[in-house]
Amino acid sequence: MFEPLSFPQYFRCWLAVYPSPSFFQAYFNLLALGTQLGTALRAGLNRSGPWAMSRRLAAHTGLTNKCLKDQGLLSVKELWVKIHYPATAR
C-alpha cells in the first residue's frame, strides 16, 4: 500500500529534486563568461565550496587570463618579469 510521506521526508525529497538559487546564479554567471553549456550545468549542480570549485574546468574556462586582465587585475608573472628583468638591463 502507498503511505503518504511525512513532512520531513517530503522536504528532503523536494530538496534533492529542485536546484538551489545558487545553482542558477553560478550557471548564468558561467554562461556569461563563455563557459560551455554542459560544463556550466555540472558546475552549477555541484555542491562543492569555492576552494574546490576553483580547481575545476568551469572556473578555468570562464575566468581566462584575458577576462581577468579586462577586469583590471595585475599579472603576478608580468610584475615579476618587470622587477627581475628591467627594460634598462636589456
N, C-alpha and C. Protein backbone atom coordinates (compact mmCIF):
# COMPACT_ATOMS: atom_id res chain seq x y z
N MET A 1 0.83 -1.19 0.00
CA MET A 1 0.00 0.00 0.00
C MET A 1 0.87 1.25 0.00
N PHE A 2 0.33 2.29 -0.54
CA PHE A 2 1.02 3.57 -0.59
C PHE A 2 0.79 4.34 0.71
N GLU A 3 1.87 4.75 1.33
CA GLU A 3 1.76 5.58 2.52
C GLU A 3 2.24 6.97 2.19
N PRO A 4 1.49 7.98 2.57
CA PRO A 4 1.94 9.34 2.29
C PRO A 4 3.21 9.66 3.09
N LEU A 5 4.07 10.49 2.49
CA LEU A 5 5.31 10.87 3.15
C LEU A 5 5.03 11.88 4.26
N SER A 6 5.79 11.76 5.33
CA SER A 6 5.70 12.79 6.37
C SER A 6 6.39 14.05 5.84
N PHE A 7 6.16 15.16 6.51
CA PHE A 7 6.72 16.42 6.01
C PHE A 7 8.24 16.39 5.93
N PRO A 8 8.99 15.90 6.95
CA PRO A 8 10.45 15.88 6.80
C PRO A 8 10.92 15.02 5.61
N GLN A 9 10.27 13.89 5.38
CA GLN A 9 10.64 13.06 4.24
C GLN A 9 10.33 13.76 2.93
N TYR A 10 9.17 14.40 2.86
CA TYR A 10 8.77 15.12 1.66
C TYR A 10 9.75 16.26 1.38
N PHE A 11 10.11 16.98 2.44
CA PHE A 11 11.01 18.12 2.28
C PHE A 11 12.39 17.67 1.80
N ARG A 12 12.90 16.55 2.33
CA ARG A 12 14.19 16.02 1.88
C ARG A 12 14.13 15.63 0.41
N CYS A 13 13.06 15.00 -0.01
CA CYS A 13 12.89 14.64 -1.41
C CYS A 13 12.81 15.88 -2.29
N TRP A 14 12.10 16.88 -1.82
CA TRP A 14 11.96 18.12 -2.57
C TRP A 14 13.31 18.80 -2.75
N LEU A 15 14.12 18.84 -1.69
CA LEU A 15 15.44 19.45 -1.77
C LEU A 15 16.36 18.70 -2.74
N ALA A 16 16.20 17.39 -2.80
CA ALA A 16 17.04 16.60 -3.69
C ALA A 16 16.69 16.82 -5.16
N VAL A 17 15.44 17.14 -5.44
CA VAL A 17 14.99 17.28 -6.82
C VAL A 17 15.19 18.69 -7.35
N TYR A 18 14.87 19.71 -6.56
CA TYR A 18 14.89 21.08 -7.04
C TYR A 18 16.23 21.74 -6.74
N PRO A 19 16.82 22.39 -7.74
CA PRO A 19 18.11 23.05 -7.50
C PRO A 19 17.95 24.30 -6.64
N SER A 20 19.02 24.68 -6.00
CA SER A 20 19.01 25.84 -5.13
C SER A 20 19.16 27.11 -5.96
N PRO A 21 18.85 28.27 -5.38
CA PRO A 21 19.05 29.52 -6.12
C PRO A 21 20.51 29.76 -6.49
N SER A 22 21.44 29.22 -5.69
CA SER A 22 22.85 29.40 -6.02
C SER A 22 23.22 28.66 -7.31
N PHE A 23 22.47 27.60 -7.63
CA PHE A 23 22.69 26.90 -8.90
C PHE A 23 22.46 27.85 -10.06
N PHE A 24 21.34 28.57 -10.04
CA PHE A 24 21.02 29.47 -11.14
C PHE A 24 22.03 30.60 -11.24
N GLN A 25 22.48 31.10 -10.10
CA GLN A 25 23.46 32.18 -10.10
C GLN A 25 24.78 31.70 -10.72
N ALA A 26 25.27 30.55 -10.27
CA ALA A 26 26.53 30.03 -10.80
C ALA A 26 26.38 29.69 -12.29
N TYR A 27 25.27 29.09 -12.65
CA TYR A 27 25.03 28.66 -14.03
C TYR A 27 25.04 29.84 -14.98
N PHE A 28 24.26 30.86 -14.69
CA PHE A 28 24.17 32.00 -15.60
C PHE A 28 25.44 32.84 -15.60
N ASN A 29 26.13 32.94 -14.46
CA ASN A 29 27.40 33.68 -14.44
C ASN A 29 28.44 32.98 -15.30
N LEU A 30 28.52 31.66 -15.21
CA LEU A 30 29.49 30.93 -16.02
C LEU A 30 29.15 31.01 -17.51
N LEU A 31 27.87 30.96 -17.84
CA LEU A 31 27.48 31.10 -19.26
C LEU A 31 27.85 32.48 -19.78
N ALA A 32 27.68 33.51 -18.95
CA ALA A 32 28.03 34.86 -19.37
C ALA A 32 29.53 35.02 -19.59
N LEU A 33 30.34 34.24 -18.88
CA LEU A 33 31.79 34.30 -19.03
C LEU A 33 32.29 33.47 -20.21
N GLY A 34 31.40 32.70 -20.84
CA GLY A 34 31.78 31.96 -22.03
C GLY A 34 32.04 30.48 -21.82
N THR A 35 31.65 29.95 -20.68
CA THR A 35 31.81 28.52 -20.41
C THR A 35 30.78 27.75 -21.21
N GLN A 36 31.13 26.55 -21.66
CA GLN A 36 30.19 25.74 -22.42
C GLN A 36 28.99 25.34 -21.56
N LEU A 37 27.89 25.05 -22.21
CA LEU A 37 26.62 24.78 -21.54
C LEU A 37 26.73 23.61 -20.57
N GLY A 38 27.28 22.48 -21.00
CA GLY A 38 27.37 21.29 -20.15
C GLY A 38 28.28 21.51 -18.95
N THR A 39 29.39 22.22 -19.17
CA THR A 39 30.32 22.49 -18.07
C THR A 39 29.68 23.40 -17.05
N ALA A 40 28.96 24.42 -17.50
CA ALA A 40 28.28 25.32 -16.58
C ALA A 40 27.18 24.61 -15.81
N LEU A 41 26.49 23.70 -16.46
CA LEU A 41 25.42 22.95 -15.80
C LEU A 41 25.99 22.06 -14.70
N ARG A 42 27.06 21.34 -15.01
CA ARG A 42 27.68 20.47 -14.00
C ARG A 42 28.24 21.28 -12.84
N ALA A 43 28.81 22.43 -13.13
CA ALA A 43 29.37 23.27 -12.07
C ALA A 43 28.27 23.86 -11.20
N GLY A 44 27.15 24.21 -11.80
CA GLY A 44 26.04 24.77 -11.04
C GLY A 44 25.41 23.74 -10.12
N LEU A 45 25.34 22.51 -10.57
CA LEU A 45 24.74 21.45 -9.75
C LEU A 45 25.70 20.92 -8.69
N ASN A 46 26.97 21.24 -8.81
CA ASN A 46 27.96 20.77 -7.85
C ASN A 46 27.82 21.52 -6.54
N ARG A 47 27.91 20.82 -5.44
CA ARG A 47 27.75 21.46 -4.13
C ARG A 47 29.08 21.71 -3.44
N SER A 48 30.16 21.63 -4.17
CA SER A 48 31.48 21.89 -3.60
C SER A 48 31.61 23.37 -3.25
N GLY A 49 32.51 23.65 -2.36
CA GLY A 49 32.76 25.03 -1.96
C GLY A 49 33.64 25.76 -2.96
N PRO A 50 33.90 27.03 -2.70
CA PRO A 50 34.68 27.83 -3.65
C PRO A 50 36.12 27.35 -3.83
N TRP A 51 36.73 26.79 -2.78
CA TRP A 51 38.11 26.31 -2.92
C TRP A 51 38.17 25.12 -3.86
N ALA A 52 37.25 24.20 -3.72
CA ALA A 52 37.23 23.02 -4.60
C ALA A 52 36.83 23.42 -6.02
N MET A 53 35.90 24.35 -6.16
CA MET A 53 35.44 24.74 -7.49
C MET A 53 36.49 25.53 -8.25
N SER A 54 37.43 26.16 -7.53
CA SER A 54 38.45 26.95 -8.21
C SER A 54 39.39 26.08 -9.03
N ARG A 55 39.43 24.79 -8.74
CA ARG A 55 40.30 23.87 -9.48
C ARG A 55 39.58 23.16 -10.61
N ARG A 56 38.34 23.48 -10.85
CA ARG A 56 37.54 22.76 -11.85
C ARG A 56 37.62 23.44 -13.22
N LEU A 57 37.21 22.71 -14.23
CA LEU A 57 37.26 23.17 -15.61
C LEU A 57 36.41 24.43 -15.82
N ALA A 58 35.28 24.52 -15.14
CA ALA A 58 34.38 25.66 -15.35
C ALA A 58 35.07 26.97 -14.96
N ALA A 59 35.81 26.98 -13.87
CA ALA A 59 36.49 28.19 -13.44
C ALA A 59 37.61 28.55 -14.42
N HIS A 60 38.29 27.55 -14.96
CA HIS A 60 39.40 27.81 -15.86
C HIS A 60 38.92 28.26 -17.24
N THR A 61 37.77 27.79 -17.67
CA THR A 61 37.27 28.22 -18.98
C THR A 61 36.55 29.55 -18.89
N GLY A 62 35.95 29.83 -17.75
CA GLY A 62 35.23 31.09 -17.59
C GLY A 62 36.13 32.25 -17.23
N LEU A 63 37.08 32.02 -16.34
CA LEU A 63 37.98 33.08 -15.88
C LEU A 63 39.34 32.94 -16.55
N THR A 64 39.41 33.32 -17.80
CA THR A 64 40.66 33.23 -18.54
C THR A 64 41.56 34.42 -18.17
N ASN A 65 42.81 34.36 -18.58
CA ASN A 65 43.73 35.46 -18.32
C ASN A 65 43.24 36.76 -18.95
N LYS A 66 42.67 36.66 -20.14
CA LYS A 66 42.14 37.86 -20.81
C LYS A 66 40.99 38.47 -20.02
N CYS A 67 40.12 37.62 -19.50
CA CYS A 67 38.98 38.09 -18.71
C CYS A 67 39.46 38.81 -17.44
N LEU A 68 40.44 38.23 -16.78
CA LEU A 68 40.97 38.83 -15.55
C LEU A 68 41.69 40.14 -15.85
N LYS A 69 42.40 40.20 -16.97
CA LYS A 69 43.09 41.45 -17.35
C LYS A 69 42.07 42.54 -17.68
N ASP A 70 40.97 42.17 -18.32
CA ASP A 70 39.92 43.14 -18.64
C ASP A 70 39.28 43.71 -17.38
N GLN A 71 39.28 42.94 -16.30
CA GLN A 71 38.72 43.41 -15.04
C GLN A 71 39.70 44.29 -14.27
N GLY A 72 40.93 44.40 -14.76
CA GLY A 72 41.91 45.29 -14.14
C GLY A 72 42.84 44.61 -13.15
N LEU A 73 42.87 43.29 -13.10
CA LEU A 73 43.78 42.60 -12.19
C LEU A 73 45.18 42.56 -12.78
N LEU A 74 46.17 42.70 -11.92
CA LEU A 74 47.56 42.68 -12.36
C LEU A 74 48.06 41.24 -12.44
N SER A 75 48.94 41.01 -13.39
CA SER A 75 49.53 39.69 -13.56
C SER A 75 50.78 39.60 -12.68
N VAL A 76 50.83 38.61 -11.82
CA VAL A 76 52.00 38.41 -10.96
C VAL A 76 53.22 38.10 -11.81
N LYS A 77 53.03 37.35 -12.89
CA LYS A 77 54.14 37.00 -13.77
C LYS A 77 54.74 38.25 -14.41
N GLU A 78 53.88 39.15 -14.90
CA GLU A 78 54.38 40.37 -15.54
C GLU A 78 55.10 41.26 -14.54
N LEU A 79 54.59 41.35 -13.31
CA LEU A 79 55.27 42.15 -12.28
C LEU A 79 56.63 41.56 -11.94
N TRP A 80 56.71 40.23 -11.84
CA TRP A 80 57.96 39.56 -11.52
C TRP A 80 59.00 39.81 -12.62
N VAL A 81 58.56 39.74 -13.88
CA VAL A 81 59.47 39.97 -15.01
C VAL A 81 59.96 41.42 -15.00
N LYS A 82 59.09 42.38 -14.68
CA LYS A 82 59.49 43.80 -14.63
C LYS A 82 60.54 44.03 -13.56
N ILE A 83 60.38 43.37 -12.42
CA ILE A 83 61.33 43.57 -11.31
C ILE A 83 62.67 42.90 -11.60
N HIS A 84 62.64 41.66 -12.05
CA HIS A 84 63.87 40.89 -12.20
C HIS A 84 64.56 41.08 -13.55
N TYR A 85 63.83 41.52 -14.55
CA TYR A 85 64.42 41.76 -15.87
C TYR A 85 63.99 43.15 -16.35
N PRO A 86 64.54 44.19 -15.78
CA PRO A 86 64.10 45.54 -16.18
C PRO A 86 64.51 45.84 -17.64
N ALA A 87 63.76 46.73 -18.26
CA ALA A 87 63.99 47.06 -19.67
C ALA A 87 65.35 47.74 -19.85
N THR A 88 65.86 48.42 -18.83
CA THR A 88 67.14 49.12 -18.96
C THR A 88 68.31 48.15 -19.01
N ALA A 89 68.15 46.94 -18.49
CA ALA A 89 69.24 45.97 -18.48
C ALA A 89 69.34 45.21 -19.80
N ARG A 90 68.36 45.33 -20.65
CA ARG A 90 68.37 44.57 -21.91
C ARG A 90 69.20 45.24 -22.97
